Amino acid sequence: MIDNVFSYIMDSPDHIEFKIKVSIVEIYMENIRDLLDKDKTNLKIRENKTRGIYIQDATESYVSD
């Protein structure tokens, strides 16, 4: 699936700019922890109309490949 995302970006016109962010979390025994920042534990799942479902306060890092 990730390969498809980057293939789509590479095949898009040059005037279109993409920004991709990633969060990596672990859910274990109903506890969510951020794998990009070990100090963030007990994170909460949230939902709103504009963002959809997300994990509050999870670290988001930009990726390029």
C-alpha atoms as a PDB file:
ATOM      1  CA  MET A   1       0.000   0.000   0.000  1.00  0.00           C
ATOM      2  CA  ILE A   2       2.818   2.428   0.836  1.00  0.00           C
ATOM      3  CA  ASP A   3       4.382   1.790  -2.568  1.00  0.00           C
ATOM      4  CA  ASN A   4       1.068   2.767  -4.178  1.00  0.00           C
ATOM      5  CA  VAL A   5       1.019   6.085  -2.324  1.00  0.00           C
ATOM      6  CA  PHE A   6       4.500   7.043  -3.473  1.00  0.00           C
ATOM      7  CA  SER A   7       3.846   5.764  -7.031  1.00  0.00           C
ATOM      8  CA  TYR A   8       0.751   7.965  -7.214  1.00  0.00           C
ATOM      9  CA  ILE A   9       2.785  10.966  -6.061  1.00  0.00           C
ATOM     10  CA  MET A  10       5.551  10.297  -8.595  1.00  0.00           C
ATOM     11  CA  ASP A  11       2.981  10.018 -11.419  1.00  0.00           C
ATOM     12  CA  SER A  12       1.221  13.269 -10.464  1.00  0.00           C
ATOM     13  CA  PRO A  13       1.877  16.592 -12.246  1.00  0.00           C
ATOM     14  CA  ASP A  14       4.857  18.562 -10.932  1.00  0.00           C
ATOM     15  CA  HIS A  15       2.739  21.548  -9.888  1.00  0.00           C
ATOM     16  CA  ILE A  16       0.976  19.472  -7.202  1.00  0.00           C
ATOM     17  CA  GLU A  17       2.695  19.340  -3.813  1.00  0.00           C
ATOM     18  CA  PHE A  18       2.176  16.526  -1.322  1.00  0.00           C
ATOM     19  CA  LYS A  19       2.962  16.423   2.393  1.00  0.00           C
ATOM     20  CA  ILE A  20       2.958  13.044   4.117  1.00  0.00           C
ATOM     21  CA  LYS A  21       3.129  12.558   7.865  1.00  0.00           C
ATOM     22  CA  VAL A  22       3.340   9.324   9.823  1.00  0.00           C
ATOM     23  CA  SER A  23       2.570   8.341  13.397  1.00  0.00           C
ATOM     24  CA  ILE A  24       3.582   5.006  14.869  1.00  0.00           C
ATOM     25  CA  VAL A  25       1.746   3.765  17.945  1.00  0.00           C
ATOM     26  CA  GLU A  26       1.356   0.533  19.828  1.00  0.00           C
ATOM     27  CA  ILE A  27      -1.941  -0.612  21.292  1.00  0.00           C
ATOM     28  CA  TYR A  28      -1.454  -3.207  23.999  1.00  0.00           C
ATOM     29  CA  MET A  29      -3.990  -4.182  26.639  1.00  0.00           C
ATOM     30  CA  GLU A  30      -6.099  -1.097  25.820  1.00  0.00           C
ATOM     31  CA  ASN A  31      -3.133   1.234  26.386  1.00  0.00           C
ATOM     32  CA  ILE A  32      -1.871   3.341  23.473  1.00  0.00           C
ATOM     33  CA  ARG A  33       1.738   4.497  23.459  1.00  0.00           C
ATOM     34  CA  ASP A  34       3.699   6.554  20.965  1.00  0.00           C
ATOM     35  CA  LEU A  35       6.622   4.619  19.469  1.00  0.00           C
ATOM     36  CA  LEU A  36       8.253   7.830  18.187  1.00  0.00           C
ATOM     37  CA  ASP A  37       8.310   9.400  21.669  1.00  0.00           C
ATOM     38  CA  LYS A  38       8.669   6.912  24.526  1.00  0.00           C
ATOM     39  CA  ASP A  39       7.450   9.467  27.075  1.00  0.00           C
ATOM     40  CA  LYS A  40       3.973   9.604  25.532  1.00  0.00           C
ATOM     41  CA  THR A  41       1.790   6.861  26.969  1.00  0.00           C
ATOM     42  CA  ASN A  42      -1.909   6.470  27.715  1.00  0.00           C
ATOM     43  CA  LEU A  43      -2.877   8.329  24.537  1.00  0.00           C
ATOM     44  CA  LYS A  44      -6.562   8.735  23.676  1.00  0.00           C
ATOM     45  CA  ILE A  45      -8.454   7.996  20.471  1.00  0.00           C
ATOM     46  CA  ARG A  46     -10.509  10.989  19.332  1.00  0.00           C
ATOM     47  CA  GLU A  47     -12.817  11.810  16.440  1.00  0.00           C
ATOM     48  CA  ASN A  48     -14.021  15.043  14.872  1.00  0.00           C
ATOM     49  CA  LYS A  49     -15.731  16.029  11.620  1.00  0.00           C
ATOM     50  CA  THR A  50     -12.713  17.601   9.915  1.00  0.00           C
ATOM     51  CA  ARG A  51      -9.894  15.267  10.982  1.00  0.00           C
ATOM     52  CA  GLY A  52     -11.801  12.007  11.365  1.00  0.00           C
ATOM     53  CA  ILE A  53     -10.480   9.400  13.794  1.00  0.00           C
ATOM     54  CA  TYR A  54      -7.032  10.147  15.245  1.00  0.00           C
ATOM     55  CA  ILE A  55      -4.881   9.573  18.313  1.00  0.00           C
ATOM     56  CA  GLN A  56      -4.575  12.734  20.378  1.00  0.00           C
ATOM     57  CA  ASP A  57      -1.008  13.961  21.015  1.00  0.00           C
ATOM     58  CA  ALA A  58       0.638  11.228  18.891  1.00  0.00           C
ATOM     59  CA  THR A  59       3.905  12.389  17.342  1.00  0.00           C
ATOM     60  CA  GLU A  60       3.624  13.147  13.610  1.00  0.00           C
ATOM     61  CA  SER A  61       6.789  13.107  11.482  1.00  0.00           C
ATOM     62  CA  TYR A  62       7.095  14.119   7.838  1.00  0.00           C
ATOM     63  CA  VAL A  63       8.337  11.387   5.477  1.00  0.00           C
ATOM     64  CA  SER A  64       9.858  11.559   2.013  1.00  0.00           C
ATOM     65  CA  ASP A  65      10.367   7.937   0.995  1.00  0.00           C
END
